[in-house]
Amino acid sequence: RVREIDGKPVGMRDEATFAKIRDGYQR
């Protein structure tokens, strides 16, 4: 998960959807 690009904060606003992908990959 990326929180910063070129020194500017990005993303970090839909952890629920990202977690489905991350946790699915771990399984």
mmCIF file of all heavy atoms, coordinates in Angstrom:
data_MODEL
# 
_entry.id   MODEL 
# 
loop_
_atom_site.group_PDB 
_atom_site.id 
_atom_site.type_symbol 
_atom_site.label_atom_id 
_atom_site.label_alt_id 
_atom_site.label_comp_id 
_atom_site.label_asym_id 
_atom_site.label_entity_id 
_atom_site.label_seq_id 
_atom_site.pdbx_PDB_ins_code 
_atom_site.Cartn_x 
_atom_site.Cartn_y 
_atom_site.Cartn_z 
_atom_site.occupancy 
_atom_site.B_iso_or_equiv 
_atom_site.pdbx_formal_charge 
_atom_site.auth_seq_id 
_atom_site.auth_comp_id 
_atom_site.auth_asym_id 
_atom_site.auth_atom_id 
_atom_site.pdbx_PDB_model_num 
ATOM 1   N N   . ARG A 1 1  ? 0.830   -1.195  0.000  1.00 0.00 ? 1  ARG A N   1 
ATOM 2   C CA  . ARG A 1 1  ? 0.000   0.000   0.000  1.00 0.00 ? 1  ARG A CA  1 
ATOM 3   C C   . ARG A 1 1  ? 0.872   1.255   0.000  1.00 0.00 ? 1  ARG A C   1 
ATOM 4   O O   . ARG A 1 1  ? 1.839   1.355   0.758  1.00 0.00 ? 1  ARG A O   1 
ATOM 5   C CB  . ARG A 1 1  ? -0.876  -0.032  1.244  1.00 0.00 ? 1  ARG A CB  1 
ATOM 6   C CG  . ARG A 1 1  ? -2.068  0.890   1.266  1.00 0.00 ? 1  ARG A CG  1 
ATOM 7   C CD  . ARG A 1 1  ? -2.819  0.698   2.574  1.00 0.00 ? 1  ARG A CD  1 
ATOM 8   N NE  . ARG A 1 1  ? -4.063  1.430   2.620  1.00 0.00 ? 1  ARG A NE  1 
ATOM 9   C CZ  . ARG A 1 1  ? -4.733  1.659   3.747  1.00 0.00 ? 1  ARG A CZ  1 
ATOM 10  N NH1 . ARG A 1 1  ? -4.241  1.210   4.897  1.00 0.00 ? 1  ARG A NH1 1 
ATOM 11  N NH2 . ARG A 1 1  ? -5.873  2.321   3.721  1.00 0.00 ? 1  ARG A NH2 1 
ATOM 12  N N   . VAL A 1 2  ? 0.544   2.204   -0.842 1.00 0.00 ? 2  VAL A N   1 
ATOM 13  C CA  . VAL A 1 2  ? 1.348   3.420   -0.990 1.00 0.00 ? 2  VAL A CA  1 
ATOM 14  C C   . VAL A 1 2  ? 0.660   4.578   -0.266 1.00 0.00 ? 2  VAL A C   1 
ATOM 15  O O   . VAL A 1 2  ? -0.538  4.813   -0.449 1.00 0.00 ? 2  VAL A O   1 
ATOM 16  C CB  . VAL A 1 2  ? 1.545   3.769   -2.480 1.00 0.00 ? 2  VAL A CB  1 
ATOM 17  C CG1 . VAL A 1 2  ? 2.322   5.081   -2.627 1.00 0.00 ? 2  VAL A CG1 1 
ATOM 18  C CG2 . VAL A 1 2  ? 2.259   2.636   -3.200 1.00 0.00 ? 2  VAL A CG2 1 
ATOM 19  N N   . ARG A 1 3  ? 1.427   5.305   0.537  1.00 0.00 ? 3  ARG A N   1 
ATOM 20  C CA  . ARG A 1 3  ? 0.892   6.444   1.288  1.00 0.00 ? 3  ARG A CA  1 
ATOM 21  C C   . ARG A 1 3  ? 1.422   7.783   0.800  1.00 0.00 ? 3  ARG A C   1 
ATOM 22  O O   . ARG A 1 3  ? 0.877   8.826   1.147  1.00 0.00 ? 3  ARG A O   1 
ATOM 23  C CB  . ARG A 1 3  ? 1.208   6.305   2.776  1.00 0.00 ? 3  ARG A CB  1 
ATOM 24  C CG  . ARG A 1 3  ? 2.691   6.339   3.123  1.00 0.00 ? 3  ARG A CG  1 
ATOM 25  C CD  . ARG A 1 3  ? 2.902   6.242   4.627  1.00 0.00 ? 3  ARG A CD  1 
ATOM 26  N NE  . ARG A 1 3  ? 4.303   6.156   4.998  1.00 0.00 ? 3  ARG A NE  1 
ATOM 27  C CZ  . ARG A 1 3  ? 5.104   7.201   5.165  1.00 0.00 ? 3  ARG A CZ  1 
ATOM 28  N NH1 . ARG A 1 3  ? 4.644   8.424   4.975  1.00 0.00 ? 3  ARG A NH1 1 
ATOM 29  N NH2 . ARG A 1 3  ? 6.362   7.022   5.521  1.00 0.00 ? 3  ARG A NH2 1 
ATOM 30  N N   . GLU A 1 4  ? 2.497   7.762   -0.009 1.00 0.00 ? 4  GLU A N   1 
ATOM 31  C CA  . GLU A 1 4  ? 3.106   9.018   -0.444 1.00 0.00 ? 4  GLU A CA  1 
ATOM 32  C C   . GLU A 1 4  ? 3.746   8.847   -1.809 1.00 0.00 ? 4  GLU A C   1 
ATOM 33  O O   . GLU A 1 4  ? 4.411   7.846   -2.072 1.00 0.00 ? 4  GLU A O   1 
ATOM 34  C CB  . GLU A 1 4  ? 4.168   9.445   0.577  1.00 0.00 ? 4  GLU A CB  1 
ATOM 35  C CG  . GLU A 1 4  ? 4.887   10.741  0.231  1.00 0.00 ? 4  GLU A CG  1 
ATOM 36  C CD  . GLU A 1 4  ? 5.979   11.061  1.229  1.00 0.00 ? 4  GLU A CD  1 
ATOM 37  O OE1 . GLU A 1 4  ? 5.648   11.252  2.424  1.00 0.00 ? 4  GLU A OE1 1 
ATOM 38  O OE2 . GLU A 1 4  ? 7.160   11.095  0.829  1.00 0.00 ? 4  GLU A OE2 1 
ATOM 39  N N   . ILE A 1 5  ? 3.543   9.821   -2.693 1.00 0.00 ? 5  ILE A N   1 
ATOM 40  C CA  . ILE A 1 5  ? 4.179   9.839   -4.014 1.00 0.00 ? 5  ILE A CA  1 
ATOM 41  C C   . ILE A 1 5  ? 4.744   11.239  -4.239 1.00 0.00 ? 5  ILE A C   1 
ATOM 42  O O   . ILE A 1 5  ? 4.031   12.243  -4.125 1.00 0.00 ? 5  ILE A O   1 
ATOM 43  C CB  . ILE A 1 5  ? 3.183   9.491   -5.137 1.00 0.00 ? 5  ILE A CB  1 
ATOM 44  C CG1 . ILE A 1 5  ? 2.621   8.074   -4.948 1.00 0.00 ? 5  ILE A CG1 1 
ATOM 45  C CG2 . ILE A 1 5  ? 3.857   9.600   -6.506 1.00 0.00 ? 5  ILE A CG2 1 
ATOM 46  C CD1 . ILE A 1 5  ? 1.541   7.698   -5.948 1.00 0.00 ? 5  ILE A CD1 1 
ATOM 47  N N   . ASP A 1 6  ? 6.026   11.286  -4.547 1.00 0.00 ? 6  ASP A N   1 
ATOM 48  C CA  . ASP A 1 6  ? 6.710   12.570  -4.774 1.00 0.00 ? 6  ASP A CA  1 
ATOM 49  C C   . ASP A 1 6  ? 6.502   13.537  -3.606 1.00 0.00 ? 6  ASP A C   1 
ATOM 50  O O   . ASP A 1 6  ? 6.319   14.753  -3.781 1.00 0.00 ? 6  ASP A O   1 
ATOM 51  C CB  . ASP A 1 6  ? 6.231   13.223  -6.078 1.00 0.00 ? 6  ASP A CB  1 
ATOM 52  C CG  . ASP A 1 6  ? 6.672   12.440  -7.312 1.00 0.00 ? 6  ASP A CG  1 
ATOM 53  O OD1 . ASP A 1 6  ? 7.684   11.714  -7.222 1.00 0.00 ? 6  ASP A OD1 1 
ATOM 54  O OD2 . ASP A 1 6  ? 6.004   12.548  -8.350 1.00 0.00 ? 6  ASP A OD2 1 
ATOM 55  N N   . GLY A 1 7  ? 6.496   12.991  -2.409 1.00 0.00 ? 7  GLY A N   1 
ATOM 56  C CA  . GLY A 1 7  ? 6.372   13.815  -1.213 1.00 0.00 ? 7  GLY A CA  1 
ATOM 57  C C   . GLY A 1 7  ? 4.958   14.244  -0.868 1.00 0.00 ? 7  GLY A C   1 
ATOM 58  O O   . GLY A 1 7  ? 4.750   14.948  0.127  1.00 0.00 ? 7  GLY A O   1 
ATOM 59  N N   . LYS A 1 8  ? 3.956   13.790  -1.642 1.00 0.00 ? 8  LYS A N   1 
ATOM 60  C CA  . LYS A 1 8  ? 2.568   14.170  -1.398 1.00 0.00 ? 8  LYS A CA  1 
ATOM 61  C C   . LYS A 1 8  ? 1.780   12.968  -0.904 1.00 0.00 ? 8  LYS A C   1 
ATOM 62  O O   . LYS A 1 8  ? 1.913   11.865  -1.443 1.00 0.00 ? 8  LYS A O   1 
ATOM 63  C CB  . LYS A 1 8  ? 1.933   14.710  -2.682 1.00 0.00 ? 8  LYS A CB  1 
ATOM 64  C CG  . LYS A 1 8  ? 2.637   15.935  -3.246 1.00 0.00 ? 8  LYS A CG  1 
ATOM 65  C CD  . LYS A 1 8  ? 2.020   16.352  -4.565 1.00 0.00 ? 8  LYS A CD  1 
ATOM 66  C CE  . LYS A 1 8  ? 2.763   17.546  -5.162 1.00 0.00 ? 8  LYS A CE  1 
ATOM 67  N NZ  . LYS A 1 8  ? 2.205   17.939  -6.489 1.00 0.00 ? 8  LYS A NZ  1 
ATOM 68  N N   . PRO A 1 9  ? 0.919   13.138  0.106  1.00 0.00 ? 9  PRO A N   1 
ATOM 69  C CA  . PRO A 1 9  ? 0.111   12.017  0.595  1.00 0.00 ? 9  PRO A CA  1 
ATOM 70  C C   . PRO A 1 9  ? -0.889  11.561  -0.465 1.00 0.00 ? 9  PRO A C   1 
ATOM 71  O O   . PRO A 1 9  ? -1.474  12.390  -1.173 1.00 0.00 ? 9  PRO A O   1 
ATOM 72  C CB  . PRO A 1 9  ? -0.602  12.595  1.822  1.00 0.00 ? 9  PRO A CB  1 
ATOM 73  C CG  . PRO A 1 9  ? -0.582  14.074  1.624  1.00 0.00 ? 9  PRO A CG  1 
ATOM 74  C CD  . PRO A 1 9  ? 0.673   14.380  0.866  1.00 0.00 ? 9  PRO A CD  1 
ATOM 75  N N   . VAL A 1 10 ? -1.053  10.256  -0.585 1.00 0.00 ? 10 VAL A N   1 
ATOM 76  C CA  . VAL A 1 10 ? -2.003  9.698   -1.561 1.00 0.00 ? 10 VAL A CA  1 
ATOM 77  C C   . VAL A 1 10 ? -2.770  8.551   -0.902 1.00 0.00 ? 10 VAL A C   1 
ATOM 78  O O   . VAL A 1 10 ? -2.340  7.972   0.096  1.00 0.00 ? 10 VAL A O   1 
ATOM 79  C CB  . VAL A 1 10 ? -1.295  9.169   -2.825 1.00 0.00 ? 10 VAL A CB  1 
ATOM 80  C CG1 . VAL A 1 10 ? -0.598  10.287  -3.579 1.00 0.00 ? 10 VAL A CG1 1 
ATOM 81  C CG2 . VAL A 1 10 ? -0.320  8.059   -2.484 1.00 0.00 ? 10 VAL A CG2 1 
ATOM 82  N N   . GLY A 1 11 ? -3.895  8.202   -1.529 1.00 0.00 ? 11 GLY A N   1 
ATOM 83  C CA  . GLY A 1 11 ? -4.646  7.021   -1.132 1.00 0.00 ? 11 GLY A CA  1 
ATOM 84  C C   . GLY A 1 11 ? -5.023  6.978   0.333  1.00 0.00 ? 11 GLY A C   1 
ATOM 85  O O   . GLY A 1 11 ? -5.391  7.993   0.936  1.00 0.00 ? 11 GLY A O   1 
ATOM 86  N N   . MET A 1 12 ? -4.992  5.744   0.884  1.00 0.00 ? 12 MET A N   1 
ATOM 87  C CA  . MET A 1 12 ? -5.287  5.489   2.295  1.00 0.00 ? 12 MET A CA  1 
ATOM 88  C C   . MET A 1 12 ? -6.734  5.849   2.638  1.00 0.00 ? 12 MET A C   1 
ATOM 89  O O   . MET A 1 12 ? -7.039  6.237   3.765  1.00 0.00 ? 12 MET A O   1 
ATOM 90  C CB  . MET A 1 12 ? -4.317  6.247   3.209  1.00 0.00 ? 12 MET A CB  1 
ATOM 91  C CG  . MET A 1 12 ? -2.848  6.090   2.859  1.00 0.00 ? 12 MET A CG  1 
ATOM 92  S SD  . MET A 1 12 ? -2.211  4.404   3.055  1.00 0.00 ? 12 MET A SD  1 
ATOM 93  C CE  . MET A 1 12 ? -2.068  4.293   4.827  1.00 0.00 ? 12 MET A CE  1 
ATOM 94  N N   . ARG A 1 13 ? -7.660  5.705   1.663  1.00 0.00 ? 13 ARG A N   1 
ATOM 95  C CA  . ARG A 1 13 ? -9.048  6.099   1.895  1.00 0.00 ? 13 ARG A CA  1 
ATOM 96  C C   . ARG A 1 13 ? -10.048 4.962   1.677  1.00 0.00 ? 13 ARG A C   1 
ATOM 97  O O   . ARG A 1 13 ? -11.251 5.174   1.804  1.00 0.00 ? 13 ARG A O   1 
ATOM 98  C CB  . ARG A 1 13 ? -9.422  7.284   0.983  1.00 0.00 ? 13 ARG A CB  1 
ATOM 99  C CG  . ARG A 1 13 ? -8.671  8.567   1.289  1.00 0.00 ? 13 ARG A CG  1 
ATOM 100 C CD  . ARG A 1 13 ? -9.319  9.767   0.609  1.00 0.00 ? 13 ARG A CD  1 
ATOM 101 N NE  . ARG A 1 13 ? -9.294  9.655   -0.845 1.00 0.00 ? 13 ARG A NE  1 
ATOM 102 C CZ  . ARG A 1 13 ? -8.298  10.117  -1.614 1.00 0.00 ? 13 ARG A CZ  1 
ATOM 103 N NH1 . ARG A 1 13 ? -7.250  10.698  -1.053 1.00 0.00 ? 13 ARG A NH1 1 
ATOM 104 N NH2 . ARG A 1 13 ? -8.350  9.986   -2.927 1.00 0.00 ? 13 ARG A NH2 1 
ATOM 105 N N   . ASP A 1 14 ? -9.553  3.764   1.334  1.00 0.00 ? 14 ASP A N   1 
ATOM 106 C CA  . ASP A 1 14 ? -10.477 2.642   1.140  1.00 0.00 ? 14 ASP A CA  1 
ATOM 107 C C   . ASP A 1 14 ? -9.799  1.363   1.616  1.00 0.00 ? 14 ASP A C   1 
ATOM 108 O O   . ASP A 1 14 ? -9.586  0.426   0.860  1.00 0.00 ? 14 ASP A O   1 
ATOM 109 C CB  . ASP A 1 14 ? -10.871 2.519   -0.338 1.00 0.00 ? 14 ASP A CB  1 
ATOM 110 C CG  . ASP A 1 14 ? -12.001 1.512   -0.558 1.00 0.00 ? 14 ASP A CG  1 
ATOM 111 O OD1 . ASP A 1 14 ? -12.444 0.889   0.431  1.00 0.00 ? 14 ASP A OD1 1 
ATOM 112 O OD2 . ASP A 1 14 ? -12.406 1.316   -1.715 1.00 0.00 ? 14 ASP A OD2 1 
ATOM 113 N N   . GLU A 1 15 ? -9.494  1.343   2.911  1.00 0.00 ? 15 GLU A N   1 
ATOM 114 C CA  . GLU A 1 15 ? -8.798  0.188   3.478  1.00 0.00 ? 15 GLU A CA  1 
ATOM 115 C C   . GLU A 1 15 ? -9.622  -1.088  3.368  1.00 0.00 ? 15 GLU A C   1 
ATOM 116 O O   . GLU A 1 15 ? -9.081  -2.180  3.202  1.00 0.00 ? 15 GLU A O   1 
ATOM 117 C CB  . GLU A 1 15 ? -8.429  0.444   4.934  1.00 0.00 ? 15 GLU A CB  1 
ATOM 118 C CG  . GLU A 1 15 ? -7.607  -0.678  5.547  1.00 0.00 ? 15 GLU A CG  1 
ATOM 119 C CD  . GLU A 1 15 ? -7.106  -0.349  6.929  1.00 0.00 ? 15 GLU A CD  1 
ATOM 120 O OE1 . GLU A 1 15 ? -7.479  0.713   7.467  1.00 0.00 ? 15 GLU A OE1 1 
ATOM 121 O OE2 . GLU A 1 15 ? -6.334  -1.159  7.480  1.00 0.00 ? 15 GLU A OE2 1 
ATOM 122 N N   . ALA A 1 16 ? -10.944 -0.972  3.424  1.00 0.00 ? 16 ALA A N   1 
ATOM 123 C CA  . ALA A 1 16 ? -11.802 -2.161  3.383  1.00 0.00 ? 16 ALA A CA  1 
ATOM 124 C C   . ALA A 1 16 ? -11.622 -2.930  2.077  1.00 0.00 ? 16 ALA A C   1 
ATOM 125 O O   . ALA A 1 16 ? -11.470 -4.152  2.080  1.00 0.00 ? 16 ALA A O   1 
ATOM 126 C CB  . ALA A 1 16 ? -13.263 -1.758  3.568  1.00 0.00 ? 16 ALA A CB  1 
ATOM 127 N N   . THR A 1 17 ? -11.639 -2.210  0.955  1.00 0.00 ? 17 THR A N   1 
ATOM 128 C CA  . THR A 1 17 ? -11.472 -2.878  -0.343 1.00 0.00 ? 17 THR A CA  1 
ATOM 129 C C   . THR A 1 17 ? -10.052 -3.393  -0.506 1.00 0.00 ? 17 THR A C   1 
ATOM 130 O O   . THR A 1 17 ? -9.832  -4.526  -0.962 1.00 0.00 ? 17 THR A O   1 
ATOM 131 C CB  . THR A 1 17 ? -11.828 -1.926  -1.496 1.00 0.00 ? 17 THR A CB  1 
ATOM 132 O OG1 . THR A 1 17 ? -13.147 -1.431  -1.322 1.00 0.00 ? 17 THR A OG1 1 
ATOM 133 C CG2 . THR A 1 17 ? -11.751 -2.647  -2.836 1.00 0.00 ? 17 THR A CG2 1 
ATOM 134 N N   . PHE A 1 18 ? -9.074  -2.568  -0.133 1.00 0.00 ? 18 PHE A N   1 
ATOM 135 C CA  . PHE A 1 18 ? -7.684  -3.011  -0.230 1.00 0.00 ? 18 PHE A CA  1 
ATOM 136 C C   . PHE A 1 18 ? -7.445  -4.245  0.630  1.00 0.00 ? 18 PHE A C   1 
ATOM 137 O O   . PHE A 1 18 ? -6.753  -5.187  0.216  1.00 0.00 ? 18 PHE A O   1 
ATOM 138 C CB  . PHE A 1 18 ? -6.727  -1.895  0.180  1.00 0.00 ? 18 PHE A CB  1 
ATOM 139 C CG  . PHE A 1 18 ? -5.295  -2.341  0.230  1.00 0.00 ? 18 PHE A CG  1 
ATOM 140 C CD1 . PHE A 1 18 ? -4.583  -2.566  -0.943 1.00 0.00 ? 18 PHE A CD1 1 
ATOM 141 C CD2 . PHE A 1 18 ? -4.667  -2.571  1.446  1.00 0.00 ? 18 PHE A CD2 1 
ATOM 142 C CE1 . PHE A 1 18 ? -3.266  -3.013  -0.895 1.00 0.00 ? 18 PHE A CE1 1 
ATOM 143 C CE2 . PHE A 1 18 ? -3.351  -3.007  1.495  1.00 0.00 ? 18 PHE A CE2 1 
ATOM 144 C CZ  . PHE A 1 18 ? -2.649  -3.224  0.327  1.00 0.00 ? 18 PHE A CZ  1 
ATOM 145 N N   . ALA A 1 19 ? -8.025  -4.280  1.828  1.00 0.00 ? 19 ALA A N   1 
ATOM 146 C CA  . ALA A 1 19 ? -7.833  -5.414  2.731  1.00 0.00 ? 19 ALA A CA  1 
ATOM 147 C C   . ALA A 1 19 ? -8.388  -6.707  2.136  1.00 0.00 ? 19 ALA A C   1 
ATOM 148 O O   . ALA A 1 19 ? -7.831  -7.791  2.369  1.00 0.00 ? 19 ALA A O   1 
ATOM 149 C CB  . ALA A 1 19 ? -8.489  -5.127  4.076  1.00 0.00 ? 19 ALA A CB  1 
ATOM 150 N N   . LYS A 1 20 ? -9.467  -6.621  1.369  1.00 0.00 ? 20 LYS A N   1 
ATOM 151 C CA  . LYS A 1 20 ? -10.001 -7.814  0.714  1.00 0.00 ? 20 LYS A CA  1 
ATOM 152 C C   . LYS A 1 20 ? -8.969  -8.410  -0.236 1.00 0.00 ? 20 LYS A C   1 
ATOM 153 O O   . LYS A 1 20 ? -8.814  -9.640  -0.320 1.00 0.00 ? 20 LYS A O   1 
ATOM 154 C CB  . LYS A 1 20 ? -11.274 -7.470  -0.056 1.00 0.00 ? 20 LYS A CB  1 
ATOM 155 C CG  . LYS A 1 20 ? -12.485 -7.166  0.802  1.00 0.00 ? 20 LYS A CG  1 
ATOM 156 C CD  . LYS A 1 20 ? -13.696 -6.858  -0.070 1.00 0.00 ? 20 LYS A CD  1 
ATOM 157 C CE  . LYS A 1 20 ? -14.920 -6.540  0.755  1.00 0.00 ? 20 LYS A CE  1 
ATOM 158 N NZ  . LYS A 1 20 ? -16.103 -6.229  -0.099 1.00 0.00 ? 20 LYS A NZ  1 
ATOM 159 N N   . ILE A 1 21 ? -8.257  -7.540  -0.964 1.00 0.00 ? 21 ILE A N   1 
ATOM 160 C CA  . ILE A 1 21 ? -7.234  -8.005  -1.903 1.00 0.00 ? 21 ILE A CA  1 
ATOM 161 C C   . ILE A 1 21 ? -6.015  -8.528  -1.150 1.00 0.00 ? 21 ILE A C   1 
ATOM 162 O O   . ILE A 1 21 ? -5.528  -9.635  -1.409 1.00 0.00 ? 21 ILE A O   1 
ATOM 163 C CB  . ILE A 1 21 ? -6.826  -6.867  -2.856 1.00 0.00 ? 21 ILE A CB  1 
ATOM 164 C CG1 . ILE A 1 21 ? -8.030  -6.419  -3.688 1.00 0.00 ? 21 ILE A CG1 1 
ATOM 165 C CG2 . ILE A 1 21 ? -5.675  -7.309  -3.765 1.00 0.00 ? 21 ILE A CG2 1 
ATOM 166 C CD1 . ILE A 1 21 ? -7.784  -5.168  -4.503 1.00 0.00 ? 21 ILE A CD1 1 
ATOM 167 N N   . ARG A 1 22 ? -5.526  -7.737  -0.192 1.00 0.00 ? 22 ARG A N   1 
ATOM 168 C CA  . ARG A 1 22 ? -4.343  -8.136  0.586  1.00 0.00 ? 22 ARG A CA  1 
ATOM 169 C C   . ARG A 1 22 ? -4.577  -9.449  1.328  1.00 0.00 ? 22 ARG A C   1 
ATOM 170 O O   . ARG A 1 22 ? -3.760  -10.379 1.244  1.00 0.00 ? 22 ARG A O   1 
ATOM 171 C CB  . ARG A 1 22 ? -4.014  -7.033  1.586  1.00 0.00 ? 22 ARG A CB  1 
ATOM 172 C CG  . ARG A 1 22 ? -2.832  -7.336  2.505  1.00 0.00 ? 22 ARG A CG  1 
ATOM 173 C CD  . ARG A 1 22 ? -2.832  -6.400  3.690  1.00 0.00 ? 22 ARG A CD  1 
ATOM 174 N NE  . ARG A 1 22 ? -4.040  -6.576  4.501  1.00 0.00 ? 22 ARG A NE  1 
ATOM 175 C CZ  . ARG A 1 22 ? -4.578  -5.631  5.269  1.00 0.00 ? 22 ARG A CZ  1 
ATOM 176 N NH1 . ARG A 1 22 ? -4.038  -4.433  5.323  1.00 0.00 ? 22 ARG A NH1 1 
ATOM 177 N NH2 . ARG A 1 22 ? -5.668  -5.896  5.973  1.00 0.00 ? 22 ARG A NH2 1 
ATOM 178 N N   . ASP A 1 23 ? -5.681  -9.552  2.047  1.00 0.00 ? 23 ASP A N   1 
ATOM 179 C CA  . ASP A 1 23 ? -5.948  -10.738 2.847  1.00 0.00 ? 23 ASP A CA  1 
ATOM 180 C C   . ASP A 1 23 ? -6.244  -11.944 1.969  1.00 0.00 ? 23 ASP A C   1 
ATOM 181 O O   . ASP A 1 23 ? -5.885  -13.084 2.311  1.00 0.00 ? 23 ASP A O   1 
ATOM 182 C CB  . ASP A 1 23 ? -7.106  -10.481 3.812  1.00 0.00 ? 23 ASP A CB  1 
ATOM 183 C CG  . ASP A 1 23 ? -6.777  -9.386  4.821  1.00 0.00 ? 23 ASP A CG  1 
ATOM 184 O OD1 . ASP A 1 23 ? -5.586  -9.038  4.951  1.00 0.00 ? 23 ASP A OD1 1 
ATOM 185 O OD2 . ASP A 1 23 ? -7.714  -8.874  5.465  1.00 0.00 ? 23 ASP A OD2 1 
ATOM 186 N N   . GLY A 1 24 ? -6.896  -11.698 0.822  1.00 0.00 ? 24 GLY A N   1 
ATOM 187 C CA  . GLY A 1 24 ? -7.137  -12.790 -0.115 1.00 0.00 ? 24 GLY A CA  1 
ATOM 188 C C   . GLY A 1 24 ? -5.843  -13.365 -0.650 1.00 0.00 ? 24 GLY A C   1 
ATOM 189 O O   . GLY A 1 24 ? -5.704  -14.586 -0.827 1.00 0.00 ? 24 GLY A O   1 
ATOM 190 N N   . TYR A 1 25 ? -4.870  -12.497 -0.907 1.00 0.00 ? 25 TYR A N   1 
ATOM 191 C CA  . TYR A 1 25 ? -3.563  -12.946 -1.398 1.00 0.00 ? 25 TYR A CA  1 
ATOM 192 C C   . TYR A 1 25 ? -2.837  -13.751 -0.318 1.00 0.00 ? 25 TYR A C   1 
ATOM 193 O O   . TYR A 1 25 ? -2.211  -14.782 -0.596 1.00 0.00 ? 25 TYR A O   1 
ATOM 194 C CB  . TYR A 1 25 ? -2.708  -11.753 -1.816 1.00 0.00 ? 25 TYR A CB  1 
ATOM 195 C CG  . TYR A 1 25 ? -1.723  -12.070 -2.920 1.00 0.00 ? 25 TYR A CG  1 
ATOM 196 C CD1 . TYR A 1 25 ? -1.565  -11.215 -4.005 1.00 0.00 ? 25 TYR A CD1 1 
ATOM 197 C CD2 . TYR A 1 25 ? -0.947  -13.216 -2.885 1.00 0.00 ? 25 TYR A CD2 1 
ATOM 198 C CE1 . TYR A 1 25 ? -0.676  -11.490 -5.023 1.00 0.00 ? 25 TYR A CE1 1 
ATOM 199 C CE2 . TYR A 1 25 ? -0.043  -13.504 -3.894 1.00 0.00 ? 25 TYR A CE2 1 
ATOM 200 C CZ  . TYR A 1 25 ? 0.085   -12.637 -4.957 1.00 0.00 ? 25 TYR A CZ  1 
ATOM 201 O OH  . TYR A 1 25 ? 0.972   -12.923 -5.962 1.00 0.00 ? 25 TYR A OH  1 
ATOM 202 N N   . GLN A 1 26 ? -2.914  -13.297 0.933  1.00 0.00 ? 26 GLN A N   1 
ATOM 203 C CA  . GLN A 1 26 ? -2.272  -14.024 2.026  1.00 0.00 ? 26 GLN A CA  1 
ATOM 204 C C   . GLN A 1 26 ? -2.874  -15.417 2.201  1.00 0.00 ? 26 GLN A C   1 
ATOM 205 O O   . GLN A 1 26 ? -2.152  -16.394 2.448  1.00 0.00 ? 26 GLN A O   1 
ATOM 206 C CB  . GLN A 1 26 ? -2.387  -13.225 3.322  1.00 0.00 ? 26 GLN A CB  1 
ATOM 207 C CG  . GLN A 1 26 ? -1.614  -11.915 3.321  1.00 0.00 ? 26 GLN A CG  1 
ATOM 208 C CD  . GLN A 1 26 ? -0.146  -12.104 3.009  1.00 0.00 ? 26 GLN A CD  1 
ATOM 209 O OE1 . GLN A 1 26 ? 0.567   -12.823 3.708  1.00 0.00 ? 26 GLN A OE1 1 
ATOM 210 N NE2 . GLN A 1 26 ? 0.318   -11.469 1.946  1.00 0.00 ? 26 GLN A NE2 1 
ATOM 211 N N   . ARG A 1 27 ? -4.178  -15.525 2.053  1.00 0.00 ? 27 ARG A N   1 
ATOM 212 C CA  . ARG A 1 27 ? -4.821  -16.844 2.135  1.00 0.00 ? 27 ARG A CA  1 
ATOM 213 C C   . ARG A 1 27 ? -4.347  -17.745 1.005  1.00 0.00 ? 27 ARG A C   1 
ATOM 214 O O   . ARG A 1 27 ? -4.112  -18.948 1.211  1.00 0.00 ? 27 ARG A O   1 
ATOM 215 C CB  . ARG A 1 27 ? -6.344  -16.691 2.093  1.00 0.00 ? 27 ARG A CB  1 
ATOM 216 C CG  . ARG A 1 27 ? -6.953  -16.164 3.382  1.00 0.00 ? 27 ARG A CG  1 
ATOM 217 C CD  . ARG A 1 27 ? -8.460  -16.348 3.376  1.00 0.00 ? 27 ARG A CD  1 
ATOM 218 N NE  . ARG A 1 27 ? -9.107  -15.590 2.304  1.00 0.00 ? 27 ARG A NE  1 
ATOM 219 C CZ  . ARG A 1 27 ? -9.522  -14.341 2.433  1.00 0.00 ? 27 ARG A CZ  1 
ATOM 220 N NH1 . ARG A 1 27 ? -9.357  -13.687 3.580  1.00 0.00 ? 27 ARG A NH1 1 
ATOM 221 N NH2 . ARG A 1 27 ? -10.115 -13.730 1.420  1.00 0.00 ? 27 ARG A NH2 1 
# 
